[in-house]
Amino acid sequence: MDDMKIISWNVAGINACVKKGLFDFMRAENAEIYCFQEVKASDEKMPRDFDPKYHAYHSISARKGYSGVSIFTKIKPLSIMETGKVDNEKEGRILVLEFERFFLINAYFPHAHRELKRLEFKLIFNERFLTFCKGLEKKKPLIIAADFNVAHKEIDLANFRQNRGNAGFTDEERKWFDDFLACGFIDTFREFVAENGHYTWWTYRNGARERNIGWRIDYFLTSSSLKSHVKESKILKDVLGSDHCPIVLKLEF
């Protein structure tokens, strides 16, 4: 049997996170694969001096200093998938690598923004993403590492009453997440932890992180056919370097 550890983290600027100890964190965890969202770096400014055992792949936003996702992997993928039909705004939101047993999707979903000015755009992106995943899953199972920019259930954010209807907790976003899971995907963290109080993002204001007033918006989802291979899914809430914290998925094949 082979063990595999995958770590996902919205780093809120990969170069800024490197200055705060990202490489030290990566060396200490020694994961097979790292998925980073919101890297905010052009290809030429992407950090190059990490462990040469890792292959690095990036999807860069056409807009400078915005969005972007990266994957660092010890395991060389069989292929890299084109996802322009989903991210047709070229915002660097999706990167898909094919491995022997699964497709790995690293995604950074749009934020609906204040006054929900990007909610319609996000819902269109979401539906395209679902269609893409349904097609891809016909070939082999999926592992999705993503900042979905939505708290799915009331237990996934501290102040759910005050935030109902706000960006990231609208009925439309939450229903889409329901529909996505109903298509045969599992929220791996909830396979292990049922209670509230577990979050992955905190505003920098008012000491929210210290008081654990947060949102769980970062997830590892997998095809249900991989459920028996998922051995651990957890949140590394004490790891600093971003307004998000890393999440970990461990599998056994």
Foldseek 3Di string as FASTA:
>chain_A
DDKFKEKEEALLAQVLLVVVPPLVVCVVVVGQKYKYKQNQADPVPPDDPHDPLWDKDKQAAPDHRTIIMMMTGNDDFPDKDDDCQLVVNSGRAWTWGHHDAEIEIEGEADWLDFVSVCVVVRLSSLVSVLVVQVVRVVVHKYKYWYQNLAFQDPLQFDCLVVCECHTRHDPSSNVSVVVSVVVAKDFLQCVPDPGHLAAFADDPPPCCLVVSRHGHRTTIMIGNVQNVFWDDKAWPSPDDNHRGGMIMTMGDD
